[in-house]
């Protein structure tokens, strides 16, 4: 599975990479991204799906560290997912 990045997601990841106080969050995000890359629909990822006006169907995958999650969507191609945003959220 190939990971594509929207600009806002890329910026959020760069902020995490540059913030030493969030090194544990960065590591958790990297682990979760690796799992998404292997099989984004694995039930153990605890994905939650919802609809938005801007992006259509989105999935939210928790990083299992605090309330940090990765928001993503399938596609545009069959073997791709697009990372929409990385954020600390409570759903």
N, C-alpha and C. Protein backbone atom coordinates (compact mmCIF):
# COMPACT_ATOMS: atom_id res chain seq x y z
N UNK A 1 0.85 -1.17 0.00
CA UNK A 1 0.00 0.00 0.00
C UNK A 1 0.90 1.24 0.00
N UNK A 2 0.62 2.16 -0.87
CA UNK A 2 1.36 3.42 -0.93
C UNK A 2 0.62 4.49 -0.12
N UNK A 3 1.39 5.28 0.61
CA UNK A 3 0.81 6.38 1.37
C UNK A 3 1.04 7.68 0.61
N UNK A 4 -0.04 8.41 0.38
CA UNK A 4 0.03 9.74 -0.20
C UNK A 4 -0.30 10.73 0.92
N UNK A 5 0.19 11.95 0.80
CA UNK A 5 0.01 12.95 1.86
C UNK A 5 -0.62 14.22 1.31
N UNK A 6 -1.67 14.68 1.96
CA UNK A 6 -2.17 16.02 1.68
C UNK A 6 -1.23 17.02 2.38
N UNK A 7 -1.13 18.25 1.87
CA UNK A 7 -0.20 19.22 2.46
C UNK A 7 -0.40 19.44 3.96
N UNK A 8 -1.63 19.50 4.44
CA UNK A 8 -1.86 19.72 5.87
C UNK A 8 -1.34 18.55 6.71
N UNK A 9 -1.48 17.34 6.21
CA UNK A 9 -0.97 16.16 6.93
C UNK A 9 0.55 16.19 6.95
N UNK A 10 1.15 16.54 5.83
CA UNK A 10 2.61 16.62 5.75
C UNK A 10 3.13 17.67 6.73
N UNK A 11 2.47 18.80 6.81
CA UNK A 11 2.86 19.85 7.74
C UNK A 11 2.73 19.39 9.19
N UNK A 12 1.64 18.71 9.51
CA UNK A 12 1.44 18.20 10.87
C UNK A 12 2.55 17.21 11.24
N UNK A 13 2.94 16.36 10.30
CA UNK A 13 4.00 15.39 10.56
C UNK A 13 5.34 16.10 10.76
N UNK A 14 5.61 17.11 9.97
CA UNK A 14 6.86 17.86 10.13
C UNK A 14 6.91 18.56 11.49
N UNK A 15 5.78 19.05 11.96
CA UNK A 15 5.74 19.68 13.28
C UNK A 15 6.05 18.65 14.38
N UNK A 16 5.50 17.45 14.24
CA UNK A 16 5.79 16.40 15.22
C UNK A 16 7.26 16.01 15.19
N UNK A 17 7.82 15.89 13.99
CA UNK A 17 9.23 15.53 13.85
C UNK A 17 10.14 16.56 14.50
N UNK A 18 9.76 17.82 14.43
CA UNK A 18 10.60 18.89 14.95
C UNK A 18 10.40 19.21 16.43
N UNK A 19 9.45 18.59 17.08
CA UNK A 19 9.13 18.89 18.48
C UNK A 19 9.63 17.76 19.37
N UNK A 20 10.76 17.96 20.00
CA UNK A 20 11.35 16.90 20.85
C UNK A 20 10.43 16.48 21.99
N UNK A 21 9.60 17.39 22.46
CA UNK A 21 8.70 17.05 23.57
C UNK A 21 7.61 16.07 23.13
N UNK A 22 7.47 15.90 21.83
CA UNK A 22 6.44 14.98 21.32
C UNK A 22 7.07 13.78 20.61
N UNK A 23 8.25 13.39 21.04
CA UNK A 23 8.94 12.26 20.39
C UNK A 23 8.16 10.95 20.54
N UNK A 24 7.48 10.77 21.67
CA UNK A 24 6.68 9.55 21.84
C UNK A 24 5.48 9.55 20.89
N UNK A 25 4.88 10.71 20.69
CA UNK A 25 3.76 10.83 19.75
C UNK A 25 4.26 10.54 18.34
N UNK A 26 5.39 11.11 17.99
CA UNK A 26 5.97 10.88 16.65
C UNK A 26 6.21 9.40 16.43
N UNK A 27 6.78 8.71 17.41
CA UNK A 27 7.03 7.27 17.29
C UNK A 27 5.72 6.50 17.13
N UNK A 28 4.70 6.88 17.89
CA UNK A 28 3.40 6.20 17.79
C UNK A 28 2.77 6.42 16.42
N UNK A 29 2.90 7.63 15.88
CA UNK A 29 2.38 7.92 14.54
C UNK A 29 3.11 7.07 13.51
N UNK A 30 4.44 6.99 13.61
CA UNK A 30 5.20 6.17 12.66
C UNK A 30 4.79 4.70 12.71
N UNK A 31 4.59 4.17 13.93
CA UNK A 31 4.14 2.77 14.06
C UNK A 31 2.78 2.57 13.41
N UNK A 32 1.88 3.51 13.64
CA UNK A 32 0.54 3.39 13.07
C UNK A 32 0.57 3.52 11.56
N UNK A 33 1.39 4.42 11.04
CA UNK A 33 1.53 4.55 9.58
C UNK A 33 2.06 3.26 8.96
N UNK A 34 3.00 2.62 9.63
CA UNK A 34 3.54 1.34 9.13
C UNK A 34 2.44 0.28 9.09
N UNK A 35 1.59 0.26 10.10
CA UNK A 35 0.48 -0.70 10.12
C UNK A 35 -0.54 -0.38 9.03
N UNK A 36 -0.81 0.89 8.82
CA UNK A 36 -1.73 1.28 7.75
C UNK A 36 -1.16 0.89 6.39
N UNK A 37 0.13 1.03 6.25
CA UNK A 37 0.78 0.68 4.98
C UNK A 37 0.67 -0.81 4.69
N UNK A 38 0.76 -1.63 5.73
CA UNK A 38 0.64 -3.09 5.55
C UNK A 38 -0.79 -3.50 5.23
N UNK A 39 -1.75 -3.03 6.02
CA UNK A 39 -3.15 -3.41 5.81
C UNK A 39 -4.06 -2.38 6.49
N UNK A 40 -4.50 -1.37 5.73
CA UNK A 40 -5.28 -0.29 6.35
C UNK A 40 -6.65 -0.73 6.87
N UNK A 41 -7.10 -1.89 6.48
CA UNK A 41 -8.43 -2.34 6.90
C UNK A 41 -8.37 -3.43 7.97
N UNK A 42 -7.21 -3.62 8.57
CA UNK A 42 -7.04 -4.58 9.65
C UNK A 42 -7.92 -4.17 10.83
N UNK A 43 -8.80 -5.07 11.29
CA UNK A 43 -9.72 -4.72 12.39
C UNK A 43 -9.02 -4.24 13.66
N UNK A 44 -7.82 -4.72 13.93
CA UNK A 44 -7.11 -4.31 15.14
C UNK A 44 -6.71 -2.83 15.15
N UNK A 45 -6.76 -2.19 13.99
CA UNK A 45 -6.42 -0.77 13.93
C UNK A 45 -7.52 0.11 14.53
N UNK A 46 -8.69 -0.44 14.73
CA UNK A 46 -9.82 0.27 15.33
C UNK A 46 -10.24 1.51 14.55
N UNK A 47 -10.21 1.39 13.23
CA UNK A 47 -10.63 2.50 12.37
C UNK A 47 -12.08 2.86 12.64
N UNK A 48 -12.34 4.15 12.60
CA UNK A 48 -13.71 4.65 12.64
C UNK A 48 -13.94 5.40 11.35
N UNK A 49 -15.06 5.17 10.74
CA UNK A 49 -15.37 5.82 9.46
C UNK A 49 -16.48 6.84 9.65
N UNK A 50 -16.34 7.96 8.95
CA UNK A 50 -17.37 8.99 8.99
C UNK A 50 -17.31 9.78 7.69
N UNK A 51 -18.32 10.59 7.45
CA UNK A 51 -18.39 11.36 6.21
C UNK A 51 -18.18 12.84 6.51
N UNK A 52 -17.50 13.51 5.57
CA UNK A 52 -17.31 14.95 5.66
C UNK A 52 -17.68 15.57 4.33
N UNK A 53 -18.05 16.82 4.36
CA UNK A 53 -18.36 17.52 3.11
C UNK A 53 -17.12 17.68 2.23
N UNK A 54 -16.02 18.03 2.86
CA UNK A 54 -14.82 18.33 2.09
C UNK A 54 -14.14 17.09 1.52
N UNK A 55 -14.05 16.01 2.31
CA UNK A 55 -13.28 14.83 1.89
C UNK A 55 -14.12 13.60 1.58
N UNK A 56 -15.40 13.66 1.80
CA UNK A 56 -16.22 12.47 1.61
C UNK A 56 -15.99 11.50 2.77
N UNK A 57 -15.84 10.22 2.46
CA UNK A 57 -15.63 9.21 3.49
C UNK A 57 -14.21 9.28 4.03
N UNK A 58 -14.08 9.48 5.33
CA UNK A 58 -12.78 9.49 6.01
C UNK A 58 -12.75 8.37 7.03
N UNK A 59 -11.54 7.95 7.33
CA UNK A 59 -11.33 7.00 8.42
C UNK A 59 -10.39 7.64 9.42
N UNK A 60 -10.59 7.32 10.66
CA UNK A 60 -9.77 7.83 11.74
C UNK A 60 -9.16 6.63 12.45
N UNK A 61 -7.84 6.56 12.49
CA UNK A 61 -7.14 5.46 13.14
C UNK A 61 -6.38 5.99 14.34
N UNK A 62 -6.68 5.50 15.55
CA UNK A 62 -5.96 5.96 16.73
C UNK A 62 -4.52 5.44 16.74
N UNK A 63 -3.62 6.23 17.30
CA UNK A 63 -2.21 5.80 17.40
C UNK A 63 -1.95 5.00 18.67
N UNK A 64 -2.94 4.92 19.54
CA UNK A 64 -2.85 4.23 20.82
C UNK A 64 -1.95 4.97 21.81
N UNK A 65 -1.75 6.25 21.57
CA UNK A 65 -1.03 7.09 22.51
C UNK A 65 -1.85 8.37 22.71
N UNK A 66 -2.44 8.48 23.86
CA UNK A 66 -3.30 9.63 24.13
C UNK A 66 -4.46 9.66 23.15
N UNK A 67 -4.80 10.85 22.69
CA UNK A 67 -5.91 11.01 21.76
C UNK A 67 -5.43 11.32 20.34
N UNK A 68 -4.22 10.92 20.01
CA UNK A 68 -3.66 11.17 18.68
C UNK A 68 -4.21 10.18 17.67
N UNK A 69 -4.58 10.71 16.52
CA UNK A 69 -5.17 9.89 15.45
C UNK A 69 -4.65 10.32 14.09
N UNK A 70 -4.76 9.40 13.15
CA UNK A 70 -4.44 9.67 11.76
C UNK A 70 -5.74 9.61 10.98
N UNK A 71 -6.05 10.68 10.26
CA UNK A 71 -7.25 10.72 9.42
C UNK A 71 -6.82 10.44 7.99
N UNK A 72 -7.50 9.52 7.34
CA UNK A 72 -7.10 9.12 6.00
C UNK A 72 -8.30 8.66 5.19
N UNK A 73 -8.07 8.55 3.89
CA UNK A 73 -9.10 8.08 2.98
C UNK A 73 -8.48 7.09 2.00
N UNK A 74 -9.27 6.16 1.53
CA UNK A 74 -8.79 5.20 0.55
C UNK A 74 -8.64 5.87 -0.81
N UNK A 75 -7.58 5.49 -1.53
CA UNK A 75 -7.40 5.98 -2.89
C UNK A 75 -6.43 7.13 -2.98
N UNK A 76 -6.29 7.67 -4.14
CA UNK A 76 -7.19 7.59 -5.28
C UNK A 76 -7.07 6.29 -6.09
N UNK A 77 -5.94 5.63 -6.07
CA UNK A 77 -5.77 4.36 -6.79
C UNK A 77 -6.03 3.20 -5.84
N UNK A 78 -6.26 2.00 -6.36
CA UNK A 78 -6.59 0.85 -5.51
C UNK A 78 -5.56 0.53 -4.43
N UNK A 79 -4.28 0.68 -4.70
CA UNK A 79 -3.24 0.35 -3.71
C UNK A 79 -2.70 1.59 -3.00
N UNK A 80 -3.53 2.59 -2.82
CA UNK A 80 -3.09 3.83 -2.19
C UNK A 80 -4.08 4.26 -1.11
N UNK A 81 -3.54 4.90 -0.09
CA UNK A 81 -4.38 5.63 0.85
C UNK A 81 -3.78 7.03 0.98
N UNK A 82 -4.64 7.98 1.25
CA UNK A 82 -4.21 9.37 1.36
C UNK A 82 -4.34 9.80 2.82
N UNK A 83 -3.22 10.23 3.38
CA UNK A 83 -3.22 10.75 4.75
C UNK A 83 -3.73 12.18 4.69
N UNK A 84 -4.83 12.43 5.37
CA UNK A 84 -5.49 13.74 5.33
C UNK A 84 -4.97 14.65 6.43
N UNK A 85 -4.81 14.09 7.64
CA UNK A 85 -4.35 14.90 8.76
C UNK A 85 -3.92 14.01 9.91
N UNK A 86 -3.05 14.54 10.76
CA UNK A 86 -2.63 13.89 12.00
C UNK A 86 -2.94 14.88 13.10
N UNK A 87 -3.73 14.44 14.08
CA UNK A 87 -4.17 15.39 15.10
C UNK A 87 -4.48 14.71 16.42
N UNK A 88 -4.50 15.52 17.45
CA UNK A 88 -4.95 15.07 18.76
C UNK A 88 -6.44 15.37 18.81
N UNK A 89 -7.24 14.32 18.78
CA UNK A 89 -8.69 14.48 18.69
C UNK A 89 -9.40 13.55 19.65
N UNK A 90 -10.58 13.92 20.05
CA UNK A 90 -11.44 13.06 20.84
C UNK A 90 -12.69 12.85 20.01
N UNK A 91 -12.93 11.61 19.62
CA UNK A 91 -14.11 11.31 18.81
C UNK A 91 -15.14 10.58 19.63
